[in-house]
Amino acid sequence: MTEGKVCPKCGERKPASGFYKGMAGKCRQCKTAQSLEYRHRSGNQDKYQQYQKEWREKHPKANQPAKRKLSPEESRERHRERQRKYAADNREKELQRWREYRKRPEVRERYSLYKASPAVRERGRL
């Protein structure tokens, strides 16, 4: 027995992928042709256009073009740009945040250990 299914309209044997899932009848091409014929028949075209218009009004986001997904590099750059803008717009707030951070005892202790390390003294940076 060969795989596939015979379309009752065109009589061709086609693979299962040539039929819509759950549709016991016609193949995809015949079903598409039937739908187009129905839509363009007099009286149905206006009804179909009205339905499309109502659907678009109810689903405004569906009419917008899909957003392009950013590459990792573009995403990183966009994030950096937002950080730069925030820092520029909130300079005093950021400075105050760093001052408060540096006053914390655990931060002061870490910094003093860092300054006292031989590797840092050898480089002569501090």
PDB file of N, CA and C in Angstrom:
ATOM      1  N   MET A   1       0.846  -1.185   0.000  1.00  0.00           N
ATOM      2  CA  MET A   1       0.000   0.000   0.000  1.00  0.00           C
ATOM      3  C   MET A   1       0.890   1.247   0.000  1.00  0.00           C
ATOM      4  N   THR A   2       0.577   2.226  -0.838  1.00  0.00           N
ATOM      5  CA  THR A   2       1.373   3.439  -0.914  1.00  0.00           C
ATOM      6  C   THR A   2       0.887   4.439   0.134  1.00  0.00           C
ATOM      7  N   GLU A   3       1.830   5.265   0.561  1.00  0.00           N
ATOM      8  CA  GLU A   3       1.492   6.261   1.572  1.00  0.00           C
ATOM      9  C   GLU A   3       0.786   7.446   0.917  1.00  0.00           C
ATOM     10  N   GLY A   4       0.038   8.167   1.711  1.00  0.00           N
ATOM     11  CA  GLY A   4      -0.638   9.345   1.214  1.00  0.00           C
ATOM     12  C   GLY A   4      -2.141   9.176   1.198  1.00  0.00           C
ATOM     13  N   LYS A   5      -2.767  10.047   0.469  1.00  0.00           N
ATOM     14  CA  LYS A   5      -4.210  10.115   0.473  1.00  0.00           C
ATOM     15  C   LYS A   5      -4.662  10.625  -0.892  1.00  0.00           C
ATOM     16  N   VAL A   6      -5.848  10.229  -1.318  1.00  0.00           N
ATOM     17  CA  VAL A   6      -6.378  10.664  -2.606  1.00  0.00           C
ATOM     18  C   VAL A   6      -7.365  11.798  -2.364  1.00  0.00           C
ATOM     19  N   CYS A   7      -7.178  12.894  -3.084  1.00  0.00           N
ATOM     20  CA  CYS A   7      -8.088  14.035  -2.981  1.00  0.00           C
ATOM     21  C   CYS A   7      -9.362  13.699  -3.762  1.00  0.00           C
ATOM     22  N   PRO A   8     -10.556  13.843  -3.144  1.00  0.00           N
ATOM     23  CA  PRO A   8     -11.791  13.529  -3.853  1.00  0.00           C
ATOM     24  C   PRO A   8     -12.121  14.520  -4.982  1.00  0.00           C
ATOM     25  N   LYS A   9     -11.559  15.711  -4.928  1.00  0.00           N
ATOM     26  CA  LYS A   9     -11.867  16.711  -5.948  1.00  0.00           C
ATOM     27  C   LYS A   9     -11.000  16.530  -7.200  1.00  0.00           C
ATOM     28  N   CYS A  10      -9.643  16.492  -7.009  1.00  0.00           N
ATOM     29  CA  CYS A  10      -8.758  16.393  -8.170  1.00  0.00           C
ATOM     30  C   CYS A  10      -8.358  14.953  -8.476  1.00  0.00           C
ATOM     31  N   GLY A  11      -8.588  14.030  -7.553  1.00  0.00           N
ATOM     32  CA  GLY A  11      -8.293  12.622  -7.773  1.00  0.00           C
ATOM     33  C   GLY A  11      -6.816  12.261  -7.683  1.00  0.00           C
ATOM     34  N   GLU A  12      -5.954  13.194  -7.287  1.00  0.00           N
ATOM     35  CA  GLU A  12      -4.523  12.915  -7.194  1.00  0.00           C
ATOM     36  C   GLU A  12      -4.177  12.319  -5.828  1.00  0.00           C
ATOM     37  N   ARG A  13      -3.203  11.404  -5.843  1.00  0.00           N
ATOM     38  CA  ARG A  13      -2.688  10.859  -4.582  1.00  0.00           C
ATOM     39  C   ARG A  13      -1.579  11.788  -4.119  1.00  0.00           C
ATOM     40  N   LYS A  14      -1.688  12.261  -2.877  1.00  0.00           N
ATOM     41  CA  LYS A  14      -0.708  13.205  -2.331  1.00  0.00           C
ATOM     42  C   LYS A  14      -0.290  12.741  -0.939  1.00  0.00           C
ATOM     43  N   PRO A  15       0.909  13.171  -0.493  1.00  0.00           N
ATOM     44  CA  PRO A  15       1.339  12.815   0.860  1.00  0.00           C
ATOM     45  C   PRO A  15       0.459  13.526   1.887  1.00  0.00           C
ATOM     46  N   ALA A  16       0.541  13.068   3.115  1.00  0.00           N
ATOM     47  CA  ALA A  16      -0.281  13.653   4.180  1.00  0.00           C
ATOM     48  C   ALA A  16      -0.019  15.147   4.340  1.00  0.00           C
ATOM     49  N   SER A  17       1.210  15.598   4.029  1.00  0.00           N
ATOM     50  CA  SER A  17       1.520  17.017   4.146  1.00  0.00           C
ATOM     51  C   SER A  17       0.773  17.855   3.107  1.00  0.00           C
ATOM     52  N   GLY A  18       0.175  17.218   2.092  1.00  0.00           N
ATOM     53  CA  GLY A  18      -0.582  17.929   1.072  1.00  0.00           C
ATOM     54  C   GLY A  18      -2.012  18.217   1.495  1.00  0.00           C
ATOM     55  N   PHE A  19      -2.373  17.794   2.718  1.00  0.00           N
ATOM     56  CA  PHE A  19      -3.714  18.012   3.244  1.00  0.00           C
ATOM     57  C   PHE A  19      -3.624  18.777   4.556  1.00  0.00           C
ATOM     58  N   TYR A  20      -4.666  19.566   4.838  1.00  0.00           N
ATOM     59  CA  TYR A  20      -4.714  20.267   6.117  1.00  0.00           C
ATOM     60  C   TYR A  20      -4.990  19.255   7.212  1.00  0.00           C
ATOM     61  N   LYS A  21      -4.419  19.476   8.377  1.00  0.00           N
ATOM     62  CA  LYS A  21      -4.641  18.562   9.498  1.00  0.00           C
ATOM     63  C   LYS A  21      -6.094  18.664   9.941  1.00  0.00           C
ATOM     64  N   GLY A  22      -6.677  17.536  10.237  1.00  0.00           N
ATOM     65  CA  GLY A  22      -8.051  17.511  10.717  1.00  0.00           C
ATOM     66  C   GLY A  22      -9.096  17.655   9.626  1.00  0.00           C
ATOM     67  N   MET A  23      -8.685  17.938   8.418  1.00  0.00           N
ATOM     68  CA  MET A  23      -9.632  18.080   7.317  1.00  0.00           C
ATOM     69  C   MET A  23      -9.697  16.733   6.589  1.00  0.00           C
ATOM     70  N   ALA A  24     -10.824  16.131   6.565  1.00  0.00           N
ATOM     71  CA  ALA A  24     -10.950  14.812   5.962  1.00  0.00           C
ATOM     72  C   ALA A  24     -11.071  14.879   4.444  1.00  0.00           C
ATOM     73  N   GLY A  25     -11.289  16.050   3.916  1.00  0.00           N
ATOM     74  CA  GLY A  25     -11.610  16.154   2.503  1.00  0.00           C
ATOM     75  C   GLY A  25     -10.482  16.511   1.568  1.00  0.00           C
ATOM     76  N   LYS A  26     -10.607  17.652   0.952  1.00  0.00           N
ATOM     77  CA  LYS A  26      -9.778  18.055  -0.183  1.00  0.00           C
ATOM     78  C   LYS A  26      -8.331  18.374   0.205  1.00  0.00           C
ATOM     79  N   CYS A  27      -7.452  18.293  -0.823  1.00  0.00           N
ATOM     80  CA  CYS A  27      -6.044  18.649  -0.621  1.00  0.00           C
ATOM     81  C   CYS A  27      -5.927  20.168  -0.445  1.00  0.00           C
ATOM     82  N   ARG A  28      -4.740  20.615  -0.087  1.00  0.00           N
ATOM     83  CA  ARG A  28      -4.510  22.044   0.164  1.00  0.00           C
ATOM     84  C   ARG A  28      -4.814  22.907  -1.062  1.00  0.00           C
ATOM     85  N   GLN A  29      -4.375  22.457  -2.246  1.00  0.00           N
ATOM     86  CA  GLN A  29      -4.592  23.256  -3.455  1.00  0.00           C
ATOM     87  C   GLN A  29      -6.086  23.381  -3.768  1.00  0.00           C
ATOM     88  N   CYS A  30      -6.805  22.279  -3.662  1.00  0.00           N
ATOM     89  CA  CYS A  30      -8.248  22.318  -3.959  1.00  0.00           C
ATOM     90  C   CYS A  30      -9.003  23.142  -2.916  1.00  0.00           C
ATOM     91  N   LYS A  31      -8.622  23.018  -1.659  1.00  0.00           N
ATOM     92  CA  LYS A  31      -9.282  23.776  -0.592  1.00  0.00           C
ATOM     93  C   LYS A  31      -9.014  25.269  -0.771  1.00  0.00           C
ATOM     94  N   THR A  32      -7.772  25.640  -1.164  1.00  0.00           N
ATOM     95  CA  THR A  32      -7.437  27.047  -1.412  1.00  0.00           C
ATOM     96  C   THR A  32      -8.245  27.595  -2.578  1.00  0.00           C
ATOM     97  N   ALA A  33      -8.344  26.812  -3.640  1.00  0.00           N
ATOM     98  CA  ALA A  33      -9.118  27.239  -4.815  1.00  0.00           C
ATOM     99  C   ALA A  33     -10.585  27.434  -4.444  1.00  0.00           C
ATOM    100  N   GLN A  34     -11.127  26.533  -3.615  1.00  0.00           N
ATOM    101  CA  GLN A  34     -12.523  26.637  -3.187  1.00  0.00           C
ATOM    102  C   GLN A  34     -12.727  27.907  -2.360  1.00  0.00           C
ATOM    103  N   SER A  35     -11.784  28.203  -1.453  1.00  0.00           N
ATOM    104  CA  SER A  35     -11.906  29.398  -0.608  1.00  0.00           C
ATOM    105  C   SER A  35     -11.855  30.664  -1.446  1.00  0.00           C
ATOM    106  N   LEU A  36     -10.928  30.717  -2.411  1.00  0.00           N
ATOM    107  CA  LEU A  36     -10.831  31.893  -3.276  1.00  0.00           C
ATOM    108  C   LEU A  36     -12.096  32.083  -4.101  1.00  0.00           C
ATOM    109  N   GLU A  37     -12.621  31.000  -4.605  1.00  0.00           N
ATOM    110  CA  GLU A  37     -13.853  31.078  -5.398  1.00  0.00           C
ATOM    111  C   GLU A  37     -14.997  31.613  -4.547  1.00  0.00           C
ATOM    112  N   TYR A  38     -15.111  31.133  -3.325  1.00  0.00           N
ATOM    113  CA  TYR A  38     -16.181  31.579  -2.433  1.00  0.00           C
ATOM    114  C   TYR A  38     -16.045  33.067  -2.129  1.00  0.00           C
ATOM    115  N   ARG A  39     -14.805  33.498  -1.842  1.00  0.00           N
ATOM    116  CA  ARG A  39     -14.585  34.903  -1.500  1.00  0.00           C
ATOM    117  C   ARG A  39     -14.897  35.845  -2.644  1.00  0.00           C
ATOM    118  N   HIS A  40     -14.638  35.416  -3.872  1.00  0.00           N
ATOM    119  CA  HIS A  40     -14.820  36.303  -5.018  1.00  0.00           C
ATOM    120  C   HIS A  40     -16.196  36.194  -5.662  1.00  0.00           C
ATOM    121  N   ARG A  41     -17.006  35.266  -5.197  1.00  0.00           N
ATOM    122  CA  ARG A  41     -18.364  35.171  -5.711  1.00  0.00           C
ATOM    123  C   ARG A  41     -19.132  36.433  -5.320  1.00  0.00           C
ATOM    124  N   SER A  42     -20.034  36.909  -6.158  1.00  0.00           N
ATOM    125  CA  SER A  42     -20.764  38.153  -5.882  1.00  0.00           C
ATOM    126  C   SER A  42     -21.518  38.030  -4.561  1.00  0.00           C
ATOM    127  N   GLY A  43     -21.476  39.083  -3.779  1.00  0.00           N
ATOM    128  CA  GLY A  43     -22.134  39.089  -2.479  1.00  0.00           C
ATOM    129  C   GLY A  43     -21.200  38.665  -1.360  1.00  0.00           C
ATOM    130  N   ASN A  44     -20.357  37.708  -1.599  1.00  0.00           N
ATOM    131  CA  ASN A  44     -19.453  37.236  -0.554  1.00  0.00           C
ATOM    132  C   ASN A  44     -18.222  38.131  -0.401  1.00  0.00           C
ATOM    133  N   GLN A  45     -17.822  38.782  -1.470  1.00  0.00           N
ATOM    134  CA  GLN A  45     -16.628  39.606  -1.426  1.00  0.00           C
ATOM    135  C   GLN A  45     -16.798  40.769  -0.449  1.00  0.00           C
ATOM    136  N   ASP A  46     -17.957  41.430  -0.482  1.00  0.00           N
ATOM    137  CA  ASP A  46     -18.206  42.532   0.446  1.00  0.00           C
ATOM    138  C   ASP A  46     -18.244  42.038   1.886  1.00  0.00           C
ATOM    139  N   LYS A  47     -18.869  40.886   2.085  1.00  0.00           N
ATOM    140  CA  LYS A  47     -18.962  40.304   3.419  1.00  0.00           C
ATOM    141  C   LYS A  47     -17.561  39.958   3.942  1.00  0.00           C
ATOM    142  N   TYR A  48     -16.724  39.399   3.078  1.00  0.00           N
ATOM    143  CA  TYR A  48     -15.372  39.018   3.456  1.00  0.00           C
ATOM    144  C   TYR A  48     -14.518  40.247   3.774  1.00  0.00           C
ATOM    145  N   GLN A  49     -14.636  41.292   2.954  1.00  0.00           N
ATOM    146  CA  GLN A  49     -13.887  42.519   3.196  1.00  0.00           C
ATOM    147  C   GLN A  49     -14.315  43.180   4.504  1.00  0.00           C
ATOM    148  N   GLN A  50     -15.610  43.141   4.797  1.00  0.00           N
ATOM    149  CA  GLN A  50     -16.116  43.705   6.046  1.00  0.00           C
ATOM    150  C   GLN A  50     -15.555  42.925   7.243  1.00  0.00           C
ATOM    151  N   TYR A  51     -15.521  41.599   7.108  1.00  0.00           N
ATOM    152  CA  TYR A  51     -14.974  40.754   8.172  1.00  0.00           C
ATOM    153  C   TYR A  51     -13.498  41.089   8.408  1.00  0.00           C
ATOM    154  N   GLN A  52     -12.728  41.236   7.316  1.00  0.00           N
ATOM    155  CA  GLN A  52     -11.304  41.569   7.436  1.00  0.00           C
ATOM    156  C   GLN A  52     -11.108  42.926   8.127  1.00  0.00           C
ATOM    157  N   LYS A  53     -11.919  43.895   7.760  1.00  0.00           N
ATOM    158  CA  LYS A  53     -11.812  45.226   8.340  1.00  0.00           C
ATOM    159  C   LYS A  53     -12.089  45.182   9.841  1.00  0.00           C
ATOM    160  N   GLU A  54     -13.139  44.474  10.247  1.00  0.00           N
ATOM    161  CA  GLU A  54     -13.474  44.361  11.667  1.00  0.00           C
ATOM    162  C   GLU A  54     -12.364  43.648  12.432  1.00  0.00           C
ATOM    163  N   TRP A  55     -11.802  42.604  11.825  1.00  0.00           N
ATOM    164  CA  TRP A  55     -10.742  41.859  12.499  1.00  0.00           C
ATOM    165  C   TRP A  55      -9.510  42.734  12.700  1.00  0.00           C
ATOM    166  N   ARG A  56      -9.146  43.520  11.689  1.00  0.00           N
ATOM    167  CA  ARG A  56      -7.982  44.405  11.806  1.00  0.00           C
ATOM    168  C   ARG A  56      -8.201  45.465  12.883  1.00  0.00           C
ATOM    169  N   GLU A  57      -9.418  45.964  13.015  1.00  0.00           N
ATOM    170  CA  GLU A  57      -9.710  46.955  14.047  1.00  0.00           C
ATOM    171  C   GLU A  57      -9.615  46.341  15.442  1.00  0.00           C
ATOM    172  N   LYS A  58     -10.030  45.086  15.581  1.00  0.00           N
ATOM    173  CA  LYS A  58      -9.967  44.405  16.878  1.00  0.00           C
ATOM    174  C   LYS A  58      -8.541  43.980  17.238  1.00  0.00           C
ATOM    175  N   HIS A  59      -7.691  43.767  16.240  1.00  0.00           N
ATOM    176  CA  HIS A  59      -6.333  43.274  16.454  1.00  0.00           C
ATOM    177  C   HIS A  59      -5.314  44.226  15.834  1.00  0.00           C
ATOM    178  N   PRO A  60      -5.133  45.420  16.409  1.00  0.00           N
ATOM    179  CA  PRO A  60      -4.240  46.403  15.794  1.00  0.00           C
ATOM    180  C   PRO A  60      -2.775  45.964  15.781  1.00  0.00           C
ATOM    181  N   LYS A  61      -2.340  45.195  16.781  1.00  0.00           N
ATOM    182  CA  LYS A  61      -0.931  44.780  16.816  1.00  0.00           C
ATOM    183  C   LYS A  61      -0.608  43.775  15.721  1.00  0.00           C
ATOM    184  N   ALA A  62      -1.597  43.049  15.250  1.00  0.00           N
ATOM    185  CA  ALA A  62      -1.361  42.056  14.208  1.00  0.00           C
ATOM    186  C   ALA A  62      -1.013  42.720  12.875  1.00  0.00           C
ATOM    187  N   ASN A  63      -1.393  43.974  12.713  1.00  0.00           N
ATOM    188  CA  ASN A  63      -1.128  44.679  11.460  1.00  0.00           C
ATOM    189  C   ASN A  63       0.248  45.330  11.427  1.00  0.00           C
ATOM    190  N   GLN A  64       0.922  45.378  12.581  1.00  0.00           N
ATOM    191  CA  GLN A  64       2.236  45.993  12.618  1.00  0.00           C
ATOM    192  C   GLN A  64       3.278  45.024  12.082  1.00  0.00           C
ATOM    193  N   PRO A  65       4.301  45.537  11.449  1.00  0.00           N
ATOM    194  CA  PRO A  65       5.363  44.643  10.965  1.00  0.00           C
ATOM    195  C   PRO A  65       6.089  44.013  12.148  1.00  0.00           C
ATOM    196  N   ALA A  66       6.566  42.812  11.958  1.00  0.00           N
ATOM    197  CA  ALA A  66       7.269  42.102  13.019  1.00  0.00           C
ATOM    198  C   ALA A  66       8.577  42.817  13.344  1.00  0.00           C
ATOM    199  N   LYS A  67       8.916  42.844  14.618  1.00  0.00           N
ATOM    200  CA  LYS A  67      10.165  43.467  15.028  1.00  0.00           C
ATOM    201  C   LYS A  67      11.315  42.518  14.726  1.00  0.00           C
ATOM    202  N   ARG A  68      12.370  43.089  14.208  1.00  0.00           N
ATOM    203  CA  ARG A  68      13.551  42.297  13.897  1.00  0.00           C
ATOM    204  C   ARG A  68      14.295  42.019  15.191  1.00  0.00           C
ATOM    205  N   LYS A  69      14.664  40.769  15.397  1.00  0.00           N
ATOM    206  CA  LYS A  69      15.409  40.402  16.587  1.00  0.00           C
ATOM    207  C   LYS A  69      16.848  40.895  16.442  1.00  0.00           C
ATOM    208  N   LEU A  70      17.348  41.508  17.504  1.00  0.00           N
ATOM    209  CA  LEU A  70      18.699  42.057  17.461  1.00  0.00           C
ATOM    210  C   LEU A  70      19.737  40.962  17.636  1.00  0.00           C
ATOM    211  N   SER A  71      20.865  41.158  17.006  1.00  0.00           N
ATOM    212  CA  SER A  71      21.983  40.236  17.203  1.00  0.00           C
ATOM    213  C   SER A  71      22.559  40.518  18.596  1.00  0.00           C
ATOM    214  N   PRO A  72      23.333  39.592  19.159  1.00  0.00           N
ATOM    215  CA  PRO A  72      23.917  39.834  20.487  1.00  0.00           C
ATOM    216  C   PRO A  72      24.759  41.112  20.536  1.00  0.00           C
ATOM    217  N   GLU A  73      25.505  41.380  19.456  1.00  0.00           N
ATOM    218  CA  GLU A  73      26.327  42.592  19.430  1.00  0.00           C
ATOM    219  C   GLU A  73      25.456  43.849  19.435  1.00  0.00           C
ATOM    220  N   GLU A  74      24.393  43.826  18.618  1.00  0.00           N
ATOM    221  CA  GLU A  74      23.490  44.978  18.570  1.00  0.00           C
ATOM    222  C   GLU A  74      22.803  45.184  19.913  1.00  0.00           C
ATOM    223  N   SER A  75      22.422  44.087  20.543  1.00  0.00           N
ATOM    224  CA  SER A  75      21.760  44.157  21.839  1.00  0.00           C
ATOM    225  C   SER A  75      22.691  44.748  22.898  1.00  0.00           C
ATOM    226  N   ARG A  76      23.952  44.279  22.910  1.00  0.00           N
ATOM    227  CA  ARG A  76      24.939  44.810  23.860  1.00  0.00           C
ATOM    228  C   ARG A  76      25.156  46.304  23.633  1.00  0.00           C
ATOM    229  N   GLU A  77      25.295  46.691  22.370  1.00  0.00           N
ATOM    230  CA  GLU A  77      25.536  48.095  22.052  1.00  0.00           C
ATOM    231  C   GLU A  77      24.341  48.959  22.450  1.00  0.00           C
ATOM    232  N   ARG A  78      23.143  48.476  22.218  1.00  0.00           N
ATOM    233  CA  ARG A  78      21.942  49.228  22.593  1.00  0.00           C
ATOM    234  C   ARG A  78      21.883  49.397  24.115  1.00  0.00           C
ATOM    235  N   HIS A  79      22.235  48.313  24.843  1.00  0.00           N
ATOM    236  CA  HIS A  79      22.235  48.374  26.302  1.00  0.00           C
ATOM    237  C   HIS A  79      23.275  49.383  26.796  1.00  0.00           C
ATOM    238  N   ARG A  80      24.485  49.345  26.216  1.00  0.00           N
ATOM    239  CA  ARG A  80      25.534  50.295  26.606  1.00  0.00           C
ATOM    240  C   ARG A  80      25.096  51.733  26.346  1.00  0.00           C
ATOM    241  N   GLU A  81      24.445  51.937  25.218  1.00  0.00           N
ATOM    242  CA  GLU A  81      23.978  53.279  24.870  1.00  0.00           C
ATOM    243  C   GLU A  81      22.943  53.770  25.885  1.00  0.00           C
ATOM    244  N   ARG A  82      22.038  52.879  26.294  1.00  0.00           N
ATOM    245  CA  ARG A  82      21.051  53.264  27.315  1.00  0.00           C
ATOM    246  C   ARG A  82      21.739  53.581  28.639  1.00  0.00           C
ATOM    247  N   GLN A  83      22.776  52.793  28.997  1.00  0.00           N
ATOM    248  CA  GLN A  83      23.515  53.057  30.230  1.00  0.00           C
ATOM    249  C   GLN A  83      24.210  54.416  30.170  1.00  0.00           C
ATOM    250  N   ARG A  84      24.843  54.716  29.033  1.00  0.00           N
ATOM    251  CA  ARG A  84      25.520  56.005  28.870  1.00  0.00           C
ATOM    252  C   ARG A  84      24.532  57.166  28.995  1.00  0.00           C
ATOM    253  N   LYS A  85      23.389  57.016  28.358  1.00  0.00           N
ATOM    254  CA  LYS A  85      22.376  58.070  28.401  1.00  0.00           C
ATOM    255  C   LYS A  85      21.874  58.275  29.827  1.00  0.00           C
ATOM    256  N   TYR A  86      21.606  57.160  30.527  1.00  0.00           N
ATOM    257  CA  TYR A  86      21.131  57.264  31.908  1.00  0.00           C
ATOM    258  C   TYR A  86      22.183  57.947  32.779  1.00  0.00           C
ATOM    259  N   ALA A  87      23.449  57.537  32.627  1.00  0.00           N
ATOM    260  CA  ALA A  87      24.524  58.119  33.423  1.00  0.00           C
ATOM    261  C   ALA A  87      24.656  59.619  33.148  1.00  0.00           C
ATOM    262  N   ALA A  88      24.526  60.013  31.889  1.00  0.00           N
ATOM    263  CA  ALA A  88      24.629  61.428  31.535  1.00  0.00           C
ATOM    264  C   ALA A  88      23.449  62.220  32.096  1.00  0.00           C
ATOM    265  N   ASP A  89      22.256  61.644  32.034  1.00  0.00           N
ATOM    266  CA  ASP A  89      21.054  62.338  32.509  1.00  0.00           C
ATOM    267  C   ASP A  89      20.961  62.371  34.033  1.00  0.00           C
ATOM    268  N   ASN A  90      21.616  61.427  34.712  1.00  0.00           N
ATOM    269  CA  ASN A  90      21.502  61.300  36.168  1.00  0.00           C
ATOM    270  C   ASN A  90      22.882  61.343  36.831  1.00  0.00           C
ATOM    271  N   ARG A  91      23.715  62.229  36.383  1.00  0.00           N
ATOM    272  CA  ARG A  91      25.105  62.271  36.854  1.00  0.00           C
ATOM    273  C   ARG A  91      25.196  62.435  38.374  1.00  0.00           C
ATOM    274  N   GLU A  92      24.495  63.393  38.939  1.00  0.00           N
ATOM    275  CA  GLU A  92      24.564  63.631  40.383  1.00  0.00           C
ATOM    276  C   GLU A  92      24.044  62.430  41.174  1.00  0.00           C
ATOM    277  N   LYS A  93      22.983  61.847  40.692  1.00  0.00           N
ATOM    278  CA  LYS A  93      22.410  60.677  41.362  1.00  0.00           C
ATOM    279  C   LYS A  93      23.415  59.514  41.366  1.00  0.00           C
ATOM    280  N   GLU A  94      24.087  59.297  40.234  1.00  0.00           N
ATOM    281  CA  GLU A  94      25.079  58.228  40.137  1.00  0.00           C
ATOM    282  C   GLU A  94      26.285  58.499  41.033  1.00  0.00           C
ATOM    283  N   LEU A  95      26.754  59.746  41.082  1.00  0.00           N
ATOM    284  CA  LEU A  95      27.875  60.082  41.951  1.00  0.00           C
ATOM    285  C   LEU A  95      27.525  59.844  43.419  1.00  0.00           C
ATOM    286  N   GLN A  96      26.330  60.234  43.788  1.00  0.00           N
ATOM    287  CA  GLN A  96      25.884  60.025  45.167  1.00  0.00           C
ATOM    288  C   GLN A  96      25.794  58.532  45.484  1.00  0.00           C
ATOM    289  N   ARG A  97      25.331  57.741  44.540  1.00  0.00           N
ATOM    290  CA  ARG A  97      25.231  56.296  44.732  1.00  0.00           C
ATOM    291  C   ARG A  97      26.617  55.690  44.956  1.00  0.00           C
ATOM    292  N   TRP A  98      27.615  56.124  44.169  1.00  0.00           N
ATOM    293  CA  TRP A  98      28.974  55.616  44.336  1.00  0.00           C
ATOM    294  C   TRP A  98      29.577  56.057  45.662  1.00  0.00           C
ATOM    295  N   ARG A  99      29.291  57.289  46.077  1.00  0.00           N
ATOM    296  CA  ARG A  99      29.800  57.760  47.377  1.00  0.00           C
ATOM    297  C   ARG A  99      29.263  56.890  48.503  1.00  0.00           C
ATOM    298  N   GLU A 100      27.967  56.609  48.452  1.00  0.00           N
ATOM    299  CA  GLU A 100      27.354  55.762  49.476  1.00  0.00           C
ATOM    300  C   GLU A 100      27.926  54.346  49.430  1.00  0.00           C
ATOM    301  N   TYR A 101      28.177  53.848  48.245  1.00  0.00           N
ATOM    302  CA  TYR A 101      28.731  52.500  48.087  1.00  0.00           C
ATOM    303  C   TYR A 101      30.129  52.422  48.708  1.00  0.00           C
ATOM    304  N   ARG A 102      30.942  53.427  48.458  1.00  0.00           N
ATOM    305  CA  ARG A 102      32.319  53.423  48.966  1.00  0.00           C
ATOM    306  C   ARG A 102      32.389  53.586  50.482  1.00  0.00           C
ATOM    307  N   LYS A 103      31.341  54.108  51.105  1.00  0.00           N
ATOM    308  CA  LYS A 103      31.316  54.285  52.557  1.00  0.00           C
ATOM    309  C   LYS A 103      31.039  52.966  53.280  1.00  0.00           C
ATOM    310  N   ARG A 104      30.527  51.984  52.572  1.00  0.00           N
ATOM    311  CA  ARG A 104      30.189  50.710  53.215  1.00  0.00           C
ATOM    312  C   ARG A 104      31.457  50.050  53.751  1.00  0.00           C
ATOM    313  N   PRO A 105      31.420  49.499  54.973  1.00  0.00           N
ATOM    314  CA  PRO A 105      32.624  48.921  55.591  1.00  0.00           C
ATOM    315  C   PRO A 105      33.231  47.777  54.787  1.00  0.00           C
ATOM    316  N   GLU A 106      32.418  46.896  54.233  1.00  0.00           N
ATOM    317  CA  GLU A 106      32.970  45.763  53.492  1.00  0.00           C
ATOM    318  C   GLU A 106      33.684  46.216  52.219  1.00  0.00           C
ATOM    319  N   VAL A 107      33.216  47.287  51.618  1.00  0.00           N
ATOM    320  CA  VAL A 107      33.860  47.812  50.419  1.00  0.00           C
ATOM    321  C   VAL A 107      35.191  48.472  50.790  1.00  0.00           C
ATOM    322  N   ARG A 108      35.195  49.226  51.873  1.00  0.00           N
ATOM    323  CA  ARG A 108      36.425  49.879  52.328  1.00  0.00           C
ATOM    324  C   ARG A 108      37.486  48.834  52.675  1.00  0.00           C
ATOM    325  N   GLU A 109      37.051  47.750  53.320  1.00  0.00           N
ATOM    326  CA  GLU A 109      37.989  46.696  53.699  1.00  0.00           C
ATOM    327  C   GLU A 109      38.593  46.022  52.462  1.00  0.00           C
ATOM    328  N   ARG A 110      37.747  45.709  51.502  1.00  0.00           N
ATOM    329  CA  ARG A 110      38.242  45.093  50.262  1.00  0.00           C
ATOM    330  C   ARG A 110      39.238  45.998  49.554  1.00  0.00           C
ATOM    331  N   TYR A 111      38.932  47.280  49.516  1.00  0.00           N
ATOM    332  CA  TYR A 111      39.805  48.228  48.829  1.00  0.00           C
ATOM    333  C   TYR A 111      41.158  48.337  49.540  1.00  0.00           C
ATOM    334  N   SER A 112      41.133  48.350  50.867  1.00  0.00           N
ATOM    335  CA  SER A 112      42.402  48.443  51.603  1.00  0.00           C
ATOM    336  C   SER A 112      43.234  47.183  51.397  1.00  0.00           C
ATOM    337  N   LEU A 113      42.592  46.003  51.324  1.00  0.00           N
ATOM    338  CA  LEU A 113      43.320  44.766  51.030  1.00  0.00           C
ATOM    339  C   LEU A 113      43.910  44.814  49.624  1.00  0.00           C
ATOM    340  N   TYR A 114      43.166  45.361  48.710  1.00  0.00           N
ATOM    341  CA  TYR A 114      43.626  45.486  47.327  1.00  0.00           C
ATOM    342  C   TYR A 114      44.854  46.390  47.266  1.00  0.00           C
ATOM    343  N   LYS A 115      44.786  47.535  47.941  1.00  0.00           N
ATOM    344  CA  LYS A 115      45.908  48.470  47.937  1.00  0.00           C
ATOM    345  C   LYS A 115      47.149  47.860  48.581  1.00  0.00           C
ATOM    346  N   ALA A 116      46.957  47.020  49.587  1.00  0.00           N
ATOM    347  CA  ALA A 116      48.078  46.444  50.321  1.00  0.00           C
ATOM    348  C   ALA A 116      48.684  45.232  49.617  1.00  0.00           C
ATOM    349  N   SER A 117      48.048  44.716  48.583  1.00  0.00           N
ATOM    350  CA  SER A 117      48.571  43.521  47.922  1.00  0.00           C
ATOM    351  C   SER A 117      49.882  43.837  47.211  1.00  0.00           C
ATOM    352  N   PRO A 118      50.847  42.893  47.242  1.00  0.00           N
ATOM    353  CA  PRO A 118      52.157  43.128  46.615  1.00  0.00           C
ATOM    354  C   PRO A 118      52.067  43.368  45.109  1.00  0.00           C
ATOM    355  N   ALA A 119      51.154  42.705  44.433  1.00  0.00           N
ATOM    356  CA  ALA A 119      51.048  42.870  42.986  1.00  0.00           C
ATOM    357  C   ALA A 119      50.684  44.299  42.617  1.00  0.00           C
ATOM    358  N   VAL A 120      49.820  44.901  43.391  1.00  0.00           N
ATOM    359  CA  VAL A 120      49.408  46.274  43.104  1.00  0.00           C
ATOM    360  C   VAL A 120      50.557  47.230  43.397  1.00  0.00           C
ATOM    361  N   ARG A 121      51.289  47.001  44.501  1.00  0.00           N
ATOM    362  CA  ARG A 121      52.404  47.881  44.840  1.00  0.00           C
ATOM    363  C   ARG A 121      53.525  47.777  43.814  1.00  0.00           C
ATOM    364  N   GLU A 122      53.747  46.583  43.271  1.00  0.00           N
ATOM    365  CA  GLU A 122      54.791  46.398  42.264  1.00  0.00           C
ATOM    366  C   GLU A 122      54.490  47.192  40.997  1.00  0.00           C
ATOM    367  N   ARG A 123      53.225  47.192  40.632  1.00  0.00           N
ATOM    368  CA  ARG A 123      52.849  47.925  39.416  1.00  0.00           C
ATOM    369  C   ARG A 123      52.927  49.419  39.640  1.00  0.00           C
ATOM    370  N   GLY A 124      52.829  49.824  40.892  1.00  0.00           N
ATOM    371  CA  GLY A 124      52.940  51.249  41.223  1.00  0.00           C
ATOM    372  C   GLY A 124      51.736  52.055  40.799  1.00  0.00           C
ATOM    373  N   ARG A 125      50.598  51.436  40.741  1.00  0.00           N
ATOM    374  CA  ARG A 125      49.403  52.174  40.290  1.00  0.00           C
ATOM    375  C   ARG A 125      48.774  52.971  41.418  1.00  0.00           C
ATOM    376  N   LEU A 126      48.954  52.552  42.649  1.00  0.00           N
ATOM    377  CA  LEU A 126      48.320  53.279  43.748  1.00  0.00           C
ATOM    378  C   LEU A 126      49.305  53.982  44.615  1.00  0.00           C
TER     379      LEU A 126
END
